[in-house]
PDB file of N, CA and C in Angstrom:
ATOM      1  N   MET A   1     283.201 -19.671-157.593  1.00  0.00           N
ATOM      2  CA  MET A   1     282.483 -20.270-157.275  1.00  0.00           C
ATOM      3  C   MET A   1     282.450 -18.515-156.791  1.00  0.00           C
ATOM      4  N   LYS A   2     282.912 -17.578-156.269  1.00  0.00           N
ATOM      5  CA  LYS A   2     283.365 -16.621-155.153  1.00  0.00           C
ATOM      6  C   LYS A   2     282.004 -15.802-157.544  1.00  0.00           C
ATOM      7  N   LEU A   3     282.219 -15.660-158.920  1.00  0.00           N
ATOM      8  CA  LEU A   3     282.415 -15.405-159.002  1.00  0.00           C
ATOM      9  C   LEU A   3     280.939 -15.010-158.978  1.00  0.00           C
ATOM     10  N   VAL A   4     280.099 -16.387-159.000  1.00  0.00           N
ATOM     11  CA  VAL A   4     278.780 -16.912-158.791  1.00  0.00           C
ATOM     12  C   VAL A   4     277.746 -15.513-157.701  1.00  0.00           C
ATOM     13  N   THR A   5     278.786 -16.205-156.476  1.00  0.00           N
ATOM     14  CA  THR A   5     278.158 -15.095-155.763  1.00  0.00           C
ATOM     15  C   THR A   5     277.902 -13.491-155.755  1.00  0.00           C
ATOM     16  N   LEU A   6     278.772 -13.383-156.297  1.00  0.00           N
ATOM     17  CA  LEU A   6     279.273 -12.373-156.773  1.00  0.00           C
ATOM     18  C   LEU A   6     277.922 -10.693-158.145  1.00  0.00           C
ATOM     19  N   THR A   7     278.168 -12.226-158.900  1.00  0.00           N
ATOM     20  CA  THR A   7     276.980 -12.059-160.230  1.00  0.00           C
ATOM     21  C   THR A   7     275.591 -12.002-159.102  1.00  0.00           C
ATOM     22  N   SER A   8     275.569 -12.369-158.751  1.00  0.00           N
ATOM     23  CA  SER A   8     273.777 -13.059-157.681  1.00  0.00           C
ATOM     24  C   SER A   8     273.617 -11.454-156.818  1.00  0.00           C
ATOM     25  N   LEU A   9     274.615 -10.822-156.404  1.00  0.00           N
ATOM     26  CA  LEU A   9     274.855 -10.118-155.840  1.00  0.00           C
ATOM     27  C   LEU A   9     274.285  -8.398-156.783  1.00  0.00           C
ATOM     28  N   LEU A  10     275.042  -8.980-157.395  1.00  0.00           N
ATOM     29  CA  LEU A  10     275.181  -7.428-158.570  1.00  0.00           C
ATOM     30  C   LEU A  10     274.024  -7.733-158.234  1.00  0.00           C
ATOM     31  N   PHE A  11     273.435  -8.384-159.430  1.00  0.00           N
ATOM     32  CA  PHE A  11     271.464  -8.967-160.065  1.00  0.00           C
ATOM     33  C   PHE A  11     270.626  -8.088-159.525  1.00  0.00           C
ATOM     34  N   GLY A  12     270.626  -8.924-157.183  1.00  0.00           N
ATOM     35  CA  GLY A  12     270.242  -8.345-156.755  1.00  0.00           C
ATOM     36  C   GLY A  12     269.566  -7.204-157.056  1.00  0.00           C
ATOM     37  N   ALA A  13     271.093  -6.575-156.636  1.00  0.00           N
ATOM     38  CA  ALA A  13     270.829  -4.521-156.116  1.00  0.00           C
ATOM     39  C   ALA A  13     270.637  -4.631-157.088  1.00  0.00           C
ATOM     40  N   ILE A  14     270.889  -4.898-158.834  1.00  0.00           N
ATOM     41  CA  ILE A  14     270.109  -4.031-159.917  1.00  0.00           C
ATOM     42  C   ILE A  14     268.503  -4.053-159.883  1.00  0.00           C
ATOM     43  N   ILE A  15     267.778  -5.406-159.716  1.00  0.00           N
ATOM     44  CA  ILE A  15     266.640  -5.361-159.553  1.00  0.00           C
ATOM     45  C   ILE A  15     266.230  -4.551-158.076  1.00  0.00           C
ATOM     46  N   THR A  16     266.314  -4.046-157.116  1.00  0.00           N
ATOM     47  CA  THR A  16     265.967  -4.136-155.989  1.00  0.00           C
ATOM     48  C   THR A  16     266.118  -1.988-156.507  1.00  0.00           C
ATOM     49  N   ALA A  17     267.266  -2.150-157.290  1.00  0.00           N
ATOM     50  CA  ALA A  17     267.555  -0.619-157.665  1.00  0.00           C
ATOM     51  C   ALA A  17     266.273  -0.176-158.376  1.00  0.00           C
ATOM     52  N   SER A  18     266.321  -0.737-159.619  1.00  0.00           N
ATOM     53  CA  SER A  18     265.068  -1.021-161.044  1.00  0.00           C
ATOM     54  C   SER A  18     264.181  -0.270-159.577  1.00  0.00           C
ATOM     55  N   SER A  19     263.574  -1.553-159.236  1.00  0.00           N
ATOM     56  CA  SER A  19     262.225  -1.311-158.212  1.00  0.00           C
ATOM     57  C   SER A  19     261.417  -0.550-157.370  1.00  0.00           C
ATOM     58  N   SER A  20     263.506   0.157-156.934  1.00  0.00           N
ATOM     59  CA  SER A  20     262.275   1.132-156.019  1.00  0.00           C
ATOM     60  C   SER A  20     262.656   2.583-156.506  1.00  0.00           C
ATOM     61  N   LEU A  21     263.319   2.280-158.373  1.00  0.00           N
ATOM     62  CA  LEU A  21     262.617   3.575-158.875  1.00  0.00           C
ATOM     63  C   LEU A  21     261.298   3.259-159.067  1.00  0.00           C
ATOM     64  N   ALA A  22     261.380   2.645-159.938  1.00  0.00           N
ATOM     65  CA  ALA A  22     259.262   1.728-159.991  1.00  0.00           C
ATOM     66  C   ALA A  22     258.985   2.895-159.196  1.00  0.00           C
ATOM     67  N   PHE A  23     258.663   1.907-157.476  1.00  0.00           N
ATOM     68  CA  PHE A  23     258.171   2.438-156.888  1.00  0.00           C
ATOM     69  C   PHE A  23     257.933   4.587-157.047  1.00  0.00           C
ATOM     70  N   ALA A  24     259.063   5.463-156.690  1.00  0.00           N
ATOM     71  CA  ALA A  24     259.718   6.402-156.942  1.00  0.00           C
ATOM     72  C   ALA A  24     257.982   6.642-158.058  1.00  0.00           C
ATOM     73  N   GLU A  25     257.846   6.870-158.934  1.00  0.00           N
ATOM     74  CA  GLU A  25     257.647   7.217-160.494  1.00  0.00           C
ATOM     75  C   GLU A  25     256.116   7.662-160.790  1.00  0.00           C
ATOM     76  N   ARG A  26     255.646   6.408-159.402  1.00  0.00           N
ATOM     77  CA  ARG A  26     254.052   5.907-159.265  1.00  0.00           C
ATOM     78  C   ARG A  26     253.478   6.467-159.593  1.00  0.00           C
ATOM     79  N   GLN A  27     253.845   8.101-158.199  1.00  0.00           N
ATOM     80  CA  GLN A  27     253.385   8.812-157.238  1.00  0.00           C
ATOM     81  C   GLN A  27     253.733  10.469-157.867  1.00  0.00           C
ATOM     82  N   PRO A  28     254.073  10.600-159.156  1.00  0.00           N
ATOM     83  CA  PRO A  28     254.870  11.947-159.217  1.00  0.00           C
ATOM     84  C   PRO A  28     254.156  13.056-158.425  1.00  0.00           C
ATOM     85  N   ARG A  29     252.283  12.786-158.444  1.00  0.00           N
ATOM     86  CA  ARG A  29     251.882  14.793-158.467  1.00  0.00           C
ATOM     87  C   ARG A  29     252.470  14.265-156.407  1.00  0.00           C
ATOM     88  N   MET A  30     252.012  13.479-155.368  1.00  0.00           N
ATOM     89  CA  MET A  30     252.349  12.950-154.735  1.00  0.00           C
ATOM     90  C   MET A  30     253.944  14.110-153.690  1.00  0.00           C
ATOM     91  N   ASN A  31     255.177  13.248-154.371  1.00  0.00           N
ATOM     92  CA  ASN A  31     256.764  13.299-153.897  1.00  0.00           C
ATOM     93  C   ASN A  31     256.404  14.978-154.794  1.00  0.00           C
ATOM     94  N   ALA A  32     255.774  15.548-156.213  1.00  0.00           N
ATOM     95  CA  ALA A  32     255.666  16.814-156.637  1.00  0.00           C
ATOM     96  C   ALA A  32     255.605  18.096-155.190  1.00  0.00           C
ATOM     97  N   ALA A  33     254.405  17.313-154.594  1.00  0.00           N
ATOM     98  CA  ALA A  33     253.457  17.775-153.632  1.00  0.00           C
ATOM     99  C   ALA A  33     254.473  18.045-152.496  1.00  0.00           C
ATOM    100  N   LEU A  34     254.891  16.643-151.714  1.00  0.00           N
ATOM    101  CA  LEU A  34     256.273  16.769-151.031  1.00  0.00           C
ATOM    102  C   LEU A  34     257.867  18.099-151.522  1.00  0.00           C
ATOM    103  N   VAL A  35     258.005  17.613-152.158  1.00  0.00           N
ATOM    104  CA  VAL A  35     258.905  18.784-152.715  1.00  0.00           C
ATOM    105  C   VAL A  35     258.735  20.465-152.341  1.00  0.00           C
ATOM    106  N   HIS A  36     256.868  20.983-152.829  1.00  0.00           N
ATOM    107  CA  HIS A  36     256.236  21.895-152.544  1.00  0.00           C
ATOM    108  C   HIS A  36     256.607  22.042-151.209  1.00  0.00           C
ATOM    109  N   LEU A  37     255.824  20.934-150.513  1.00  0.00           N
ATOM    110  CA  LEU A  37     255.215  21.255-149.478  1.00  0.00           C
ATOM    111  C   LEU A  37     257.141  22.074-148.217  1.00  0.00           C
ATOM    112  N   GLN A  38     258.451  20.830-148.887  1.00  0.00           N
ATOM    113  CA  GLN A  38     258.427  21.152-147.517  1.00  0.00           C
ATOM    114  C   GLN A  38     259.565  22.808-148.494  1.00  0.00           C
ATOM    115  N   LYS A  39     259.696  23.241-149.838  1.00  0.00           N
ATOM    116  CA  LYS A  39     260.205  24.041-149.979  1.00  0.00           C
ATOM    117  C   LYS A  39     259.547  25.321-149.525  1.00  0.00           C
ATOM    118  N   ALA A  40     257.844  25.409-148.576  1.00  0.00           N
ATOM    119  CA  ALA A  40     257.357  26.180-148.130  1.00  0.00           C
ATOM    120  C   ALA A  40     257.576  26.106-147.239  1.00  0.00           C
ATOM    121  N   LYS A  41     257.987  25.188-146.193  1.00  0.00           N
ATOM    122  CA  LYS A  41     258.589  24.769-144.680  1.00  0.00           C
ATOM    123  C   LYS A  41     259.763  25.872-144.064  1.00  0.00           C
ATOM    124  N   MET A  42     260.535  25.320-145.380  1.00  0.00           N
ATOM    125  CA  MET A  42     261.819  26.362-145.348  1.00  0.00           C
ATOM    126  C   MET A  42     261.853  27.715-146.045  1.00  0.00           C
ATOM    127  N   GLN A  43     261.060  27.805-146.078  1.00  0.00           N
ATOM    128  CA  GLN A  43     260.868  29.860-147.279  1.00  0.00           C
ATOM    129  C   GLN A  43     260.699  30.214-145.763  1.00  0.00           C
ATOM    130  N   LEU A  44     258.994  29.584-145.177  1.00  0.00           N
ATOM    131  CA  LEU A  44     258.748  30.242-144.086  1.00  0.00           C
ATOM    132  C   LEU A  44     259.495  30.443-142.861  1.00  0.00           C
ATOM    133  N   SER A  45     260.296  29.334-142.373  1.00  0.00           N
ATOM    134  CA  SER A  45     260.987  29.548-141.545  1.00  0.00           C
ATOM    135  C   SER A  45     262.776  30.572-141.305  1.00  0.00           C
ATOM    136  N   LYS A  46     262.222  30.577-142.556  1.00  0.00           N
ATOM    137  CA  LYS A  46     263.810  32.436-143.124  1.00  0.00           C
ATOM    138  C   LYS A  46     262.950  33.520-143.383  1.00  0.00           C
ATOM    139  N   ALA A  47     261.442  33.370-143.203  1.00  0.00           N
ATOM    140  CA  ALA A  47     260.803  34.715-143.059  1.00  0.00           C
ATOM    141  C   ALA A  47     260.885  35.417-141.076  1.00  0.00           C
ATOM    142  N   SER A  48     260.874  36.207-141.225  1.00  0.00           N
ATOM    143  CA  SER A  48     260.953  37.590-139.828  1.00  0.00           C
ATOM    144  C   SER A  48     259.998  36.369-139.313  1.00  0.00           C
ATOM    145  N   TRP A  49     260.107  36.888-138.267  1.00  0.00           N
ATOM    146  CA  TRP A  49     259.348  36.437-137.076  1.00  0.00           C
ATOM    147  C   TRP A  49     257.439  37.041-136.625  1.00  0.00           C
ATOM    148  N   ASP A  50     257.831  38.327-137.242  1.00  0.00           N
ATOM    149  CA  ASP A  50     256.660  38.968-136.416  1.00  0.00           C
ATOM    150  C   ASP A  50     255.554  39.174-137.369  1.00  0.00           C
ATOM    151  N   LYS A  51     254.957  38.204-137.294  1.00  0.00           N
ATOM    152  CA  LYS A  51     253.486  36.832-137.700  1.00  0.00           C
ATOM    153  C   LYS A  51     252.436  37.254-136.880  1.00  0.00           C
ATOM    154  N   GLY A  52     252.579  38.397-135.820  1.00  0.00           N
ATOM    155  CA  GLY A  52     251.183  37.027-135.159  1.00  0.00           C
ATOM    156  C   GLY A  52     251.684  35.708-134.810  1.00  0.00           C
ATOM    157  N   GLY A  53     252.415  34.909-134.405  1.00  0.00           N
ATOM    158  CA  GLY A  53     251.920  34.066-134.835  1.00  0.00           C
ATOM    159  C   GLY A  53     251.415  33.016-136.003  1.00  0.00           C
ATOM    160  N   HIS A  54     251.276  33.211-136.704  1.00  0.00           N
ATOM    161  CA  HIS A  54     250.240  33.076-137.726  1.00  0.00           C
ATOM    162  C   HIS A  54     251.907  32.065-137.664  1.00  0.00           C
ATOM    163  N   ARG A  55     252.455  32.554-138.926  1.00  0.00           N
ATOM    164  CA  ARG A  55     253.731  31.496-139.606  1.00  0.00           C
ATOM    165  C   ARG A  55     254.505  30.701-137.961  1.00  0.00           C
ATOM    166  N   VAL A  56     254.520  30.637-137.290  1.00  0.00           N
ATOM    167  CA  VAL A  56     254.835  29.373-136.211  1.00  0.00           C
ATOM    168  C   VAL A  56     253.606  28.392-136.747  1.00  0.00           C
ATOM    169  N   ALA A  57     252.415  28.991-136.763  1.00  0.00           N
ATOM    170  CA  ALA A  57     250.864  27.650-137.050  1.00  0.00           C
ATOM    171  C   ALA A  57     251.565  26.813-138.500  1.00  0.00           C
ATOM    172  N   ALA A  58     251.817  27.998-140.191  1.00  0.00           N
ATOM    173  CA  ALA A  58     251.800  27.808-140.754  1.00  0.00           C
ATOM    174  C   ALA A  58     252.319  26.674-140.763  1.00  0.00           C
ATOM    175  N   LEU A  59     254.003  26.578-140.137  1.00  0.00           N
ATOM    176  CA  LEU A  59     255.057  26.051-139.976  1.00  0.00           C
ATOM    177  C   LEU A  59     255.148  24.662-140.088  1.00  0.00           C
ATOM    178  N   LYS A  60     253.492  24.284-138.446  1.00  0.00           N
ATOM    179  CA  LYS A  60     253.104  23.211-137.575  1.00  0.00           C
ATOM    180  C   LYS A  60     252.367  22.873-138.214  1.00  0.00           C
ATOM    181  N   HIS A  61     251.458  23.267-139.355  1.00  0.00           N
ATOM    182  CA  HIS A  61     250.821  22.892-140.545  1.00  0.00           C
ATOM    183  C   HIS A  61     251.024  22.073-141.628  1.00  0.00           C
ATOM    184  N   ILE A  62     252.245  22.830-142.467  1.00  0.00           N
ATOM    185  CA  ILE A  62     253.344  21.757-143.613  1.00  0.00           C
ATOM    186  C   ILE A  62     253.513  20.578-142.309  1.00  0.00           C
ATOM    187  N   GLN A  63     254.159  20.470-141.269  1.00  0.00           N
ATOM    188  CA  GLN A  63     254.533  19.285-140.954  1.00  0.00           C
ATOM    189  C   GLN A  63     253.657  18.521-141.085  1.00  0.00           C
ATOM    190  N   ILE A  64     252.384  18.841-140.673  1.00  0.00           N
ATOM    191  CA  ILE A  64     251.304  17.972-139.993  1.00  0.00           C
ATOM    192  C   ILE A  64     251.015  17.171-142.009  1.00  0.00           C
ATOM    193  N   ALA A  65     250.792  18.208-143.120  1.00  0.00           N
ATOM    194  CA  ALA A  65     250.944  18.301-144.536  1.00  0.00           C
ATOM    195  C   ALA A  65     251.858  16.692-144.488  1.00  0.00           C
ATOM    196  N   ILE A  66     253.189  18.138-144.776  1.00  0.00           N
ATOM    197  CA  ILE A  66     254.369  16.805-144.991  1.00  0.00           C
ATOM    198  C   ILE A  66     254.426  15.219-144.155  1.00  0.00           C
ATOM    199  N   ASN A  67     253.844  15.487-142.894  1.00  0.00           N
ATOM    200  CA  ASN A  67     254.096  13.511-142.571  1.00  0.00           C
ATOM    201  C   ASN A  67     252.661  12.269-144.057  1.00  0.00           C
ATOM    202  N   GLN A  68     251.688  13.347-143.353  1.00  0.00           N
ATOM    203  CA  GLN A  68     250.055  12.589-144.793  1.00  0.00           C
ATOM    204  C   GLN A  68     250.439  12.684-145.451  1.00  0.00           C
ATOM    205  N   VAL A  69     250.931  13.436-146.696  1.00  0.00           N
ATOM    206  CA  VAL A  69     251.652  12.407-147.969  1.00  0.00           C
ATOM    207  C   VAL A  69     252.621  12.307-147.648  1.00  0.00           C
ATOM    208  N   LYS A  70     253.930  11.471-146.566  1.00  0.00           N
ATOM    209  CA  LYS A  70     254.120  10.380-146.573  1.00  0.00           C
ATOM    210  C   LYS A  70     254.209   9.498-146.931  1.00  0.00           C
ATOM    211  N   LYS A  71     252.930  10.276-145.664  1.00  0.00           N
ATOM    212  CA  LYS A  71     251.886   8.330-145.037  1.00  0.00           C
ATOM    213  C   LYS A  71     250.902   8.272-146.949  1.00  0.00           C
ATOM    214  N   GLY A  72     250.396   9.360-146.717  1.00  0.00           N
ATOM    215  CA  GLY A  72     249.357   8.446-148.478  1.00  0.00           C
ATOM    216  C   GLY A  72     250.388   7.808-149.861  1.00  0.00           C
ATOM    217  N   ILE A  73     251.689   8.363-149.819  1.00  0.00           N
ATOM    218  CA  ILE A  73     252.976   7.704-150.600  1.00  0.00           C
ATOM    219  C   ILE A  73     253.148   5.939-150.153  1.00  0.00           C
ATOM    220  N   VAL A  74     253.406   6.372-148.883  1.00  0.00           N
ATOM    221  CA  VAL A  74     253.822   4.557-147.564  1.00  0.00           C
ATOM    222  C   VAL A  74     252.824   4.169-148.317  1.00  0.00           C
ATOM    223  N   PHE A  75     251.669   4.403-147.576  1.00  0.00           N
ATOM    224  CA  PHE A  75     250.266   3.150-148.161  1.00  0.00           C
ATOM    225  C   PHE A  75     249.716   2.880-149.091  1.00  0.00           C
ATOM    226  N   ASP A  76     249.656   3.953-150.319  1.00  0.00           N
ATOM    227  CA  ASP A  76     249.599   3.126-151.706  1.00  0.00           C
ATOM    228  C   ASP A  76     250.882   2.037-152.781  1.00  0.00           C
ATOM    229  N   ASN A  77     252.729   2.103-152.086  1.00  0.00           N
ATOM    230  CA  ASN A  77     253.443   1.944-152.472  1.00  0.00           C
ATOM    231  C   ASN A  77     252.736   0.477-152.007  1.00  0.00           C
ATOM    232  N   VAL A  78     252.277   0.348-150.584  1.00  0.00           N
ATOM    233  CA  VAL A  78     251.344  -1.295-149.311  1.00  0.00           C
ATOM    234  C   VAL A  78     251.047  -1.505-150.639  1.00  0.00           C
ATOM    235  N   VAL A  79     249.602  -0.897-151.332  1.00  0.00           N
ATOM    236  CA  VAL A  79     248.099  -1.426-151.537  1.00  0.00           C
ATOM    237  C   VAL A  79     249.276  -1.865-152.445  1.00  0.00           C
ATOM    238  N   LYS A  80     249.544  -1.761-153.031  1.00  0.00           N
ATOM    239  CA  LYS A  80     249.989  -2.216-154.725  1.00  0.00           C
ATOM    240  C   LYS A  80     251.245  -2.769-154.594  1.00  0.00           C
ATOM    241  N   GLU A  81     251.548  -3.228-153.374  1.00  0.00           N
ATOM    242  CA  GLU A  81     252.671  -4.229-153.716  1.00  0.00           C
ATOM    243  C   GLU A  81     250.885  -5.565-153.175  1.00  0.00           C
ATOM    244  N   GLN A  82     249.679  -5.577-152.653  1.00  0.00           N
ATOM    245  CA  GLN A  82     248.883  -6.589-152.588  1.00  0.00           C
ATOM    246  C   GLN A  82     248.804  -7.381-153.517  1.00  0.00           C
TER     247      GLN A  82
END
């Protein structure tokens, strides 16, 4: 009985992992955009402060863009599941 339960759990984990990978591959451009935005945010955060407030404003806009891309990915996944 334990072997059947363990096998079922393992099979379920494999199915879950493979379906998660399928979702990640559905939106390669959105995921690439997210990576680029995160890299841009990191570079701007390391830049010197003397930019007349423009660096700080850019960081805020990039964070907004990151949030919107993430919401777009979630939205697309939900729509495709239905």
